[in-house]
Amino acid sequence: MLCAVNNDGKLLAFKVNELPELAKGKGNKIFGIDSKRFDKREEFLIGVTVVAPEQNLLVWSGDRKMTLKFADLKELSR
C-alpha cells in the first residue's frame, strides 16, 4: 500500500499499482492538491511511504501516535 499524508492531516492509502500516472511522462499524481493552494503553501504533501503486508504504519501527530495495521490500510483504500 502507498500511503501519503498532507499538512491538513488527511491520509490517503491505495495499492501501489493503482498510482495514477500523468500523461506525456509528467510523473505521478499521488494527492490531488489544487495548484493555487499549493503555491500559497496552504496545502502540501508532508509524507509518503510504502507499507508491505507484514508491516504496520506508525503515524505521529504532535504528542499523539497511532499504529495502523496493513488490514486497516486496506479498509481505508476502499
C-alpha atoms as a PDB file:
ATOM      1  CA  MET A   1       0.000   0.000   0.000  1.00  0.00           C
ATOM      2  CA  LEU A   2       1.174   3.505  -0.800  1.00  0.00           C
ATOM      3  CA  CYS A   3       0.341   5.951   1.997  1.00  0.00           C
ATOM      4  CA  ALA A   4       0.500   9.736   1.716  1.00  0.00           C
ATOM      5  CA  VAL A   5      -0.405  12.469   4.189  1.00  0.00           C
ATOM      6  CA  ASN A   6      -0.863  16.210   3.678  1.00  0.00           C
ATOM      7  CA  ASN A   7      -0.401  19.116   6.076  1.00  0.00           C
ATOM      8  CA  ASP A   8      -4.154  19.090   6.902  1.00  0.00           C
ATOM      9  CA  GLY A   9      -3.732  15.585   8.338  1.00  0.00           C
ATOM     10  CA  LYS A  10      -5.539  13.773   5.530  1.00  0.00           C
ATOM     11  CA  LEU A  11      -4.209  10.257   4.995  1.00  0.00           C
ATOM     12  CA  LEU A  12      -4.598   8.572   1.623  1.00  0.00           C
ATOM     13  CA  ALA A  13      -3.852   4.850   1.187  1.00  0.00           C
ATOM     14  CA  PHE A  14      -4.094   2.836  -2.017  1.00  0.00           C
ATOM     15  CA  LYS A  15      -2.469  -0.073  -3.813  1.00  0.00           C
ATOM     16  CA  VAL A  16       0.831   0.851  -5.441  1.00  0.00           C
ATOM     17  CA  ASN A  17      -0.324  -0.473  -8.824  1.00  0.00           C
ATOM     18  CA  GLU A  18      -3.271   1.976  -8.697  1.00  0.00           C
ATOM     19  CA  LEU A  19      -0.991   5.047  -8.606  1.00  0.00           C
ATOM     20  CA  PRO A  20      -2.331   7.468 -11.254  1.00  0.00           C
ATOM     21  CA  GLU A  21       0.225   8.351 -13.920  1.00  0.00           C
ATOM     22  CA  LEU A  22       0.040  11.713 -15.666  1.00  0.00           C
ATOM     23  CA  ALA A  23       0.147  11.945 -19.467  1.00  0.00           C
ATOM     24  CA  LYS A  24       3.291  12.635 -21.515  1.00  0.00           C
ATOM     25  CA  GLY A  25       5.733  11.465 -18.835  1.00  0.00           C
ATOM     26  CA  LYS A  26       4.807  14.221 -16.362  1.00  0.00           C
ATOM     27  CA  GLY A  27       5.074  11.839 -13.403  1.00  0.00           C
ATOM     28  CA  ASN A  28       2.564  10.549 -10.906  1.00  0.00           C
ATOM     29  CA  LYS A  29      -0.308  12.215  -9.114  1.00  0.00           C
ATOM     30  CA  ILE A  30      -0.330  10.971  -5.522  1.00  0.00           C
ATOM     31  CA  PHE A  31      -2.521  13.587  -3.841  1.00  0.00           C
ATOM     32  CA  GLY A  32      -4.975  15.912  -5.632  1.00  0.00           C
ATOM     33  CA  ILE A  33      -3.792  19.302  -4.383  1.00  0.00           C
ATOM     34  CA  ASP A  34      -5.082  22.437  -6.092  1.00  0.00           C
ATOM     35  CA  SER A  35      -2.150  24.342  -7.622  1.00  0.00           C
ATOM     36  CA  LYS A  36      -3.303  27.679  -6.166  1.00  0.00           C
ATOM     37  CA  ARG A  37      -3.451  26.222  -2.634  1.00  0.00           C
ATOM     38  CA  PHE A  38      -0.041  24.641  -3.165  1.00  0.00           C
ATOM     39  CA  ASP A  39       1.513  27.878  -4.453  1.00  0.00           C
ATOM     40  CA  LYS A  40       0.226  29.697  -1.360  1.00  0.00           C
ATOM     41  CA  ARG A  41       1.597  26.841   0.833  1.00  0.00           C
ATOM     42  CA  GLU A  42      -1.927  26.270   2.194  1.00  0.00           C
ATOM     43  CA  GLU A  43      -1.844  22.571   1.302  1.00  0.00           C
ATOM     44  CA  PHE A  44       1.108  20.328   0.539  1.00  0.00           C
ATOM     45  CA  LEU A  45       2.302  16.742   0.858  1.00  0.00           C
ATOM     46  CA  ILE A  46       4.317  16.071   4.024  1.00  0.00           C
ATOM     47  CA  GLY A  47       4.953  12.337   3.848  1.00  0.00           C
ATOM     48  CA  VAL A  48       4.831   9.319   1.547  1.00  0.00           C
ATOM     49  CA  THR A  49       5.701   5.712   2.319  1.00  0.00           C
ATOM     50  CA  VAL A  50       5.039   2.187   1.117  1.00  0.00           C
ATOM     51  CA  VAL A  51       3.725  -0.399   3.594  1.00  0.00           C
ATOM     52  CA  ALA A  52       4.144  -4.122   2.894  1.00  0.00           C
ATOM     53  CA  PRO A  53       1.547  -6.686   4.081  1.00  0.00           C
ATOM     54  CA  GLU A  54       3.715  -7.746   7.044  1.00  0.00           C
ATOM     55  CA  GLN A  55       4.276  -4.147   8.188  1.00  0.00           C
ATOM     56  CA  ASN A  56       2.355  -1.533  10.176  1.00  0.00           C
ATOM     57  CA  LEU A  57       2.237   2.224   9.673  1.00  0.00           C
ATOM     58  CA  LEU A  58       3.123   4.376  12.678  1.00  0.00           C
ATOM     59  CA  VAL A  59       1.556   7.846  12.424  1.00  0.00           C
ATOM     60  CA  TRP A  60       2.760  10.684  14.686  1.00  0.00           C
ATOM     61  CA  SER A  61       0.873  13.939  15.219  1.00  0.00           C
ATOM     62  CA  GLY A  62       2.357  16.135  17.916  1.00  0.00           C
ATOM     63  CA  ASP A  63       2.421  14.034  21.079  1.00  0.00           C
ATOM     64  CA  ARG A  64      -0.111  11.536  19.715  1.00  0.00           C
ATOM     65  CA  LYS A  65       0.756   8.390  17.812  1.00  0.00           C
ATOM     66  CA  MET A  66      -1.336   5.723  16.141  1.00  0.00           C
ATOM     67  CA  THR A  67      -0.402   2.372  14.639  1.00  0.00           C
ATOM     68  CA  LEU A  68      -2.339   1.240  11.586  1.00  0.00           C
ATOM     69  CA  LYS A  69      -2.118  -2.396  10.548  1.00  0.00           C
ATOM     70  CA  PHE A  70      -1.931  -3.334   6.880  1.00  0.00           C
ATOM     71  CA  ALA A  71      -5.530  -4.625   7.087  1.00  0.00           C
ATOM     72  CA  ASP A  72      -6.617  -1.198   8.393  1.00  0.00           C
ATOM     73  CA  LEU A  73      -4.933   0.475   5.424  1.00  0.00           C
ATOM     74  CA  LYS A  74      -6.708  -1.865   3.025  1.00  0.00           C
ATOM     75  CA  GLU A  75     -10.030  -0.818   4.583  1.00  0.00           C
ATOM     76  CA  LEU A  76      -9.099   2.872   4.148  1.00  0.00           C
ATOM     77  CA  SER A  77      -8.423   2.338   0.463  1.00  0.00           C
ATOM     78  CA  ARG A  78     -11.936   1.069  -0.334  1.00  0.00           C
END
